[in-house]
Amino acid sequence: MTPEYAIAVLDRQIAAHGQPLALRRGTGAQHNARGFIRGYKPDELIGLVSQADRNVTISPSSLGAYGLPKAQDDFSSNGQRGKVEDVEPIHIGETLVRVNLRVRLA
């Protein structure tokens, strides 16, 4: 699978089934994007993961000038607000193809 193909597949799935979300770093402008937002299963609630956490998947093509999210960035979606706790960039070779976030809702 090429990186371009992986991104295209993710973009199509997010366009069809994703949810709107927003990120903000400090007092900067809000960045609107779409992604998958899911809760964690009970057996995944280990270590630092809590019931208030959400697993968020974003395509790198939706990040634009905002760049890679960072821990403590503000997050909001469907009236829920929270903070980015962890960022997991996924690469194929040298190309970023997906970004997984752990977000803690307030």
N, C-alpha and C. Protein backbone atom coordinates (compact mmCIF):
# COMPACT_ATOMS: atom_id res chain seq x y z
N MET A 1 0.85 -1.17 0.00
CA MET A 1 0.00 0.00 0.00
C MET A 1 0.89 1.24 0.00
N THR A 2 0.61 2.15 -0.89
CA THR A 2 1.39 3.38 -0.94
C THR A 2 0.84 4.36 0.08
N PRO A 3 1.66 5.31 0.54
CA PRO A 3 1.16 6.33 1.47
C PRO A 3 0.00 7.13 0.87
N GLU A 4 0.08 7.45 -0.40
CA GLU A 4 -0.98 8.23 -1.04
C GLU A 4 -2.31 7.47 -1.04
N TYR A 5 -2.24 6.17 -1.29
CA TYR A 5 -3.44 5.34 -1.27
C TYR A 5 -4.02 5.26 0.13
N ALA A 6 -3.17 5.07 1.14
CA ALA A 6 -3.64 4.99 2.53
C ALA A 6 -4.34 6.29 2.94
N ILE A 7 -3.79 7.41 2.57
CA ILE A 7 -4.41 8.71 2.90
C ILE A 7 -5.73 8.87 2.16
N ALA A 8 -5.77 8.49 0.89
CA ALA A 8 -7.00 8.62 0.10
C ALA A 8 -8.13 7.77 0.69
N VAL A 9 -7.81 6.54 1.11
CA VAL A 9 -8.82 5.66 1.71
C VAL A 9 -9.33 6.27 3.01
N LEU A 10 -8.42 6.75 3.85
CA LEU A 10 -8.82 7.37 5.12
C LEU A 10 -9.67 8.61 4.86
N ASP A 11 -9.27 9.44 3.91
CA ASP A 11 -10.04 10.65 3.59
C ASP A 11 -11.46 10.32 3.14
N ARG A 12 -11.61 9.29 2.31
CA ARG A 12 -12.95 8.89 1.85
C ARG A 12 -13.81 8.42 3.02
N GLN A 13 -13.23 7.62 3.91
CA GLN A 13 -13.99 7.10 5.06
C GLN A 13 -14.39 8.23 6.02
N ILE A 14 -13.47 9.15 6.25
CA ILE A 14 -13.79 10.27 7.14
C ILE A 14 -14.86 11.16 6.51
N ALA A 15 -14.77 11.40 5.20
CA ALA A 15 -15.78 12.22 4.52
C ALA A 15 -17.15 11.58 4.63
N ALA A 16 -17.20 10.26 4.53
CA ALA A 16 -18.48 9.56 4.57
C ALA A 16 -19.02 9.34 5.98
N HIS A 17 -18.14 9.12 6.95
CA HIS A 17 -18.59 8.68 8.27
C HIS A 17 -18.02 9.48 9.45
N GLY A 18 -17.15 10.45 9.19
CA GLY A 18 -16.50 11.18 10.26
C GLY A 18 -17.38 12.24 10.89
N GLN A 19 -16.86 12.83 11.96
CA GLN A 19 -17.57 13.88 12.68
C GLN A 19 -16.75 15.17 12.62
N PRO A 20 -17.43 16.32 12.68
CA PRO A 20 -16.69 17.57 12.74
C PRO A 20 -16.01 17.72 14.10
N LEU A 21 -14.84 18.32 14.08
CA LEU A 21 -14.11 18.59 15.32
C LEU A 21 -13.29 19.85 15.14
N ALA A 22 -12.81 20.39 16.23
CA ALA A 22 -11.99 21.60 16.18
C ALA A 22 -10.82 21.46 17.14
N LEU A 23 -9.70 22.00 16.73
CA LEU A 23 -8.49 22.03 17.56
C LEU A 23 -8.05 23.48 17.71
N ARG A 24 -7.43 23.77 18.84
CA ARG A 24 -6.90 25.12 19.08
C ARG A 24 -5.66 25.00 19.94
N ARG A 25 -4.63 25.70 19.55
CA ARG A 25 -3.38 25.72 20.31
C ARG A 25 -3.25 27.09 20.97
N GLY A 26 -3.28 27.09 22.30
CA GLY A 26 -3.14 28.35 23.04
C GLY A 26 -4.26 29.31 22.69
N THR A 27 -3.88 30.53 22.33
CA THR A 27 -4.88 31.54 21.97
C THR A 27 -4.98 31.69 20.46
N GLY A 28 -4.42 30.73 19.73
CA GLY A 28 -4.45 30.79 18.26
C GLY A 28 -5.85 30.55 17.71
N ALA A 29 -5.93 30.63 16.40
CA ALA A 29 -7.21 30.43 15.73
C ALA A 29 -7.66 28.98 15.81
N GLN A 30 -8.96 28.79 15.80
CA GLN A 30 -9.52 27.45 15.81
C GLN A 30 -9.30 26.80 14.45
N HIS A 31 -8.93 25.52 14.45
CA HIS A 31 -8.76 24.77 13.21
C HIS A 31 -9.86 23.72 13.13
N ASN A 32 -10.69 23.80 12.11
CA ASN A 32 -11.79 22.86 11.93
C ASN A 32 -11.34 21.70 11.05
N ALA A 33 -11.75 20.50 11.42
CA ALA A 33 -11.40 19.29 10.68
C ALA A 33 -12.52 18.27 10.87
N ARG A 34 -12.31 17.09 10.32
CA ARG A 34 -13.22 15.97 10.53
C ARG A 34 -12.39 14.77 10.94
N GLY A 35 -13.01 13.87 11.67
CA GLY A 35 -12.29 12.68 12.08
C GLY A 35 -13.23 11.67 12.71
N PHE A 36 -12.67 10.55 13.10
CA PHE A 36 -13.41 9.53 13.83
C PHE A 36 -13.18 9.75 15.32
N ILE A 37 -14.26 9.75 16.09
CA ILE A 37 -14.18 9.94 17.53
C ILE A 37 -14.86 8.75 18.18
N ARG A 38 -14.09 8.01 18.95
CA ARG A 38 -14.61 6.79 19.57
C ARG A 38 -14.21 6.72 21.03
N GLY A 39 -15.05 6.12 21.84
CA GLY A 39 -14.70 5.85 23.22
C GLY A 39 -13.81 4.63 23.30
N TYR A 40 -13.29 4.38 24.48
CA TYR A 40 -12.47 3.19 24.71
C TYR A 40 -13.33 2.09 25.30
N LYS A 41 -13.03 0.84 24.97
CA LYS A 41 -13.72 -0.31 25.53
C LYS A 41 -13.24 -0.53 26.96
N PRO A 42 -14.06 -1.16 27.80
CA PRO A 42 -13.66 -1.36 29.20
C PRO A 42 -12.28 -2.01 29.37
N ASP A 43 -11.95 -2.97 28.52
CA ASP A 43 -10.65 -3.63 28.66
C ASP A 43 -9.49 -2.76 28.20
N GLU A 44 -9.78 -1.61 27.58
CA GLU A 44 -8.73 -0.67 27.16
C GLU A 44 -8.47 0.41 28.21
N LEU A 45 -9.27 0.42 29.28
CA LEU A 45 -9.14 1.44 30.32
C LEU A 45 -8.06 1.02 31.31
N ILE A 46 -6.83 1.08 30.85
CA ILE A 46 -5.68 0.72 31.67
C ILE A 46 -4.65 1.84 31.61
N GLY A 47 -3.75 1.85 32.55
CA GLY A 47 -2.71 2.88 32.55
C GLY A 47 -3.31 4.27 32.69
N LEU A 48 -2.97 5.14 31.77
CA LEU A 48 -3.43 6.52 31.82
C LEU A 48 -4.77 6.75 31.13
N VAL A 49 -5.36 5.72 30.53
CA VAL A 49 -6.62 5.86 29.80
C VAL A 49 -7.79 5.78 30.77
N SER A 50 -8.71 6.76 30.68
CA SER A 50 -9.88 6.78 31.56
C SER A 50 -11.17 6.79 30.74
N GLN A 51 -12.29 6.67 31.43
CA GLN A 51 -13.59 6.69 30.76
C GLN A 51 -13.87 8.02 30.07
N ALA A 52 -13.23 9.09 30.51
CA ALA A 52 -13.44 10.41 29.92
C ALA A 52 -12.61 10.60 28.65
N ASP A 53 -11.82 9.60 28.28
CA ASP A 53 -10.95 9.73 27.10
C ASP A 53 -11.65 9.27 25.84
N ARG A 54 -11.25 9.86 24.73
CA ARG A 54 -11.74 9.46 23.42
C ARG A 54 -10.54 9.22 22.51
N ASN A 55 -10.71 8.24 21.62
CA ASN A 55 -9.70 7.95 20.60
C ASN A 55 -10.14 8.68 19.34
N VAL A 56 -9.33 9.60 18.86
CA VAL A 56 -9.67 10.43 17.71
C VAL A 56 -8.68 10.13 16.58
N THR A 57 -9.20 9.88 15.40
CA THR A 57 -8.36 9.64 14.23
C THR A 57 -8.59 10.77 13.23
N ILE A 58 -7.48 11.36 12.79
CA ILE A 58 -7.52 12.49 11.85
C ILE A 58 -6.59 12.17 10.69
N SER A 59 -6.99 12.59 9.50
CA SER A 59 -6.14 12.46 8.33
C SER A 59 -5.16 13.63 8.28
N PRO A 60 -3.93 13.39 7.86
CA PRO A 60 -2.98 14.51 7.75
C PRO A 60 -3.41 15.53 6.71
N SER A 61 -4.21 15.14 5.74
CA SER A 61 -4.65 16.10 4.73
C SER A 61 -5.62 17.13 5.30
N SER A 62 -6.22 16.86 6.46
CA SER A 62 -7.14 17.83 7.07
C SER A 62 -6.44 18.77 8.05
N LEU A 63 -5.15 18.55 8.28
CA LEU A 63 -4.45 19.38 9.27
C LEU A 63 -3.89 20.67 8.69
N GLY A 64 -3.51 20.66 7.43
CA GLY A 64 -3.04 21.88 6.76
C GLY A 64 -1.99 22.63 7.56
N ALA A 65 -2.16 23.94 7.63
CA ALA A 65 -1.20 24.82 8.30
C ALA A 65 -1.16 24.61 9.81
N TYR A 66 -2.20 24.00 10.37
CA TYR A 66 -2.22 23.76 11.82
C TYR A 66 -1.07 22.84 12.21
N GLY A 67 -0.77 21.89 11.35
CA GLY A 67 0.31 20.96 11.64
C GLY A 67 -0.13 19.85 12.58
N LEU A 68 0.83 19.11 13.04
CA LEU A 68 0.57 17.97 13.92
C LEU A 68 0.06 18.47 15.27
N PRO A 69 -1.08 17.96 15.74
CA PRO A 69 -1.55 18.36 17.07
C PRO A 69 -0.51 18.03 18.14
N LYS A 70 -0.59 18.75 19.24
CA LYS A 70 0.34 18.56 20.35
C LYS A 70 -0.45 18.34 21.63
N ALA A 71 0.20 17.70 22.59
CA ALA A 71 -0.41 17.52 23.90
C ALA A 71 -0.81 18.88 24.45
N GLN A 72 -1.95 18.93 25.07
CA GLN A 72 -2.55 20.12 25.69
C GLN A 72 -3.22 21.06 24.70
N ASP A 73 -3.28 20.72 23.41
CA ASP A 73 -4.12 21.47 22.48
C ASP A 73 -5.57 21.30 22.91
N ASP A 74 -6.38 22.34 22.72
CA ASP A 74 -7.80 22.25 23.02
C ASP A 74 -8.50 21.47 21.92
N PHE A 75 -9.53 20.72 22.31
CA PHE A 75 -10.31 19.90 21.40
C PHE A 75 -11.78 20.15 21.67
N SER A 76 -12.59 20.19 20.62
CA SER A 76 -14.04 20.25 20.81
C SER A 76 -14.72 19.53 19.65
N SER A 77 -15.87 18.94 19.98
CA SER A 77 -16.70 18.27 18.98
C SER A 77 -18.09 18.06 19.55
N ASN A 78 -19.10 18.43 18.79
CA ASN A 78 -20.49 18.22 19.20
C ASN A 78 -20.77 18.72 20.61
N GLY A 79 -20.26 19.88 20.95
CA GLY A 79 -20.51 20.47 22.26
C GLY A 79 -19.65 19.94 23.39
N GLN A 80 -18.82 18.96 23.12
CA GLN A 80 -17.93 18.42 24.14
C GLN A 80 -16.55 19.06 23.97
N ARG A 81 -15.93 19.37 25.10
CA ARG A 81 -14.60 20.00 25.08
C ARG A 81 -13.61 19.14 25.85
N GLY A 82 -12.36 19.26 25.47
CA GLY A 82 -11.33 18.51 26.16
C GLY A 82 -9.95 18.97 25.75
N LYS A 83 -8.95 18.18 26.16
CA LYS A 83 -7.55 18.47 25.86
C LYS A 83 -6.91 17.23 25.23
N VAL A 84 -6.04 17.48 24.28
CA VAL A 84 -5.27 16.40 23.69
C VAL A 84 -4.27 15.93 24.74
N GLU A 85 -4.26 14.63 25.02
CA GLU A 85 -3.34 14.06 25.99
C GLU A 85 -2.13 13.42 25.32
N ASP A 86 -2.38 12.64 24.27
CA ASP A 86 -1.31 11.93 23.56
C ASP A 86 -1.53 12.06 22.06
N VAL A 87 -0.42 12.11 21.32
CA VAL A 87 -0.45 12.17 19.87
C VAL A 87 0.38 11.02 19.33
N GLU A 88 -0.21 10.23 18.44
CA GLU A 88 0.48 9.11 17.82
C GLU A 88 0.46 9.29 16.30
N PRO A 89 1.52 9.84 15.72
CA PRO A 89 1.57 9.95 14.26
C PRO A 89 1.90 8.58 13.65
N ILE A 90 1.18 8.20 12.60
CA ILE A 90 1.39 6.92 11.93
C ILE A 90 1.99 7.23 10.55
N HIS A 91 3.10 6.56 10.27
CA HIS A 91 3.81 6.78 9.00
C HIS A 91 3.87 5.50 8.18
N ILE A 92 3.89 5.65 6.88
CA ILE A 92 4.31 4.60 5.97
C ILE A 92 5.59 5.14 5.34
N GLY A 93 6.68 4.51 5.64
CA GLY A 93 7.97 5.06 5.24
C GLY A 93 8.18 6.39 5.94
N GLU A 94 8.42 7.42 5.18
CA GLU A 94 8.63 8.76 5.73
C GLU A 94 7.37 9.62 5.71
N THR A 95 6.28 9.09 5.16
CA THR A 95 5.07 9.89 4.94
C THR A 95 4.05 9.68 6.06
N LEU A 96 3.60 10.78 6.63
CA LEU A 96 2.55 10.75 7.64
C LEU A 96 1.24 10.39 6.96
N VAL A 97 0.57 9.31 7.42
CA VAL A 97 -0.66 8.86 6.77
C VAL A 97 -1.88 8.90 7.68
N ARG A 98 -1.66 9.14 8.98
CA ARG A 98 -2.77 9.12 9.93
C ARG A 98 -2.27 9.68 11.25
N VAL A 99 -3.17 10.30 12.00
CA VAL A 99 -2.83 10.80 13.33
C VAL A 99 -3.88 10.29 14.32
N ASN A 100 -3.44 9.56 15.33
CA ASN A 100 -4.32 9.10 16.40
C ASN A 100 -4.08 9.97 17.62
N LEU A 101 -5.16 10.43 18.22
CA LEU A 101 -5.08 11.26 19.42
C LEU A 101 -5.83 10.58 20.55
N ARG A 102 -5.33 10.77 21.77
CA ARG A 102 -6.10 10.44 22.96
C ARG A 102 -6.51 11.77 23.57
N VAL A 103 -7.81 12.01 23.61
CA VAL A 103 -8.36 13.27 24.09
C VAL A 103 -9.11 13.01 25.38
N ARG A 104 -8.85 13.83 26.39
CA ARG A 104 -9.60 13.73 27.65
C ARG A 104 -10.65 14.81 27.68
N LEU A 105 -11.91 14.37 27.74
CA LEU A 105 -13.02 15.33 27.78
C LEU A 105 -13.14 15.93 29.17
N ALA A 106 -13.58 17.18 29.20
CA ALA A 106 -13.73 17.90 30.49
C ALA A 106 -15.01 17.48 31.18
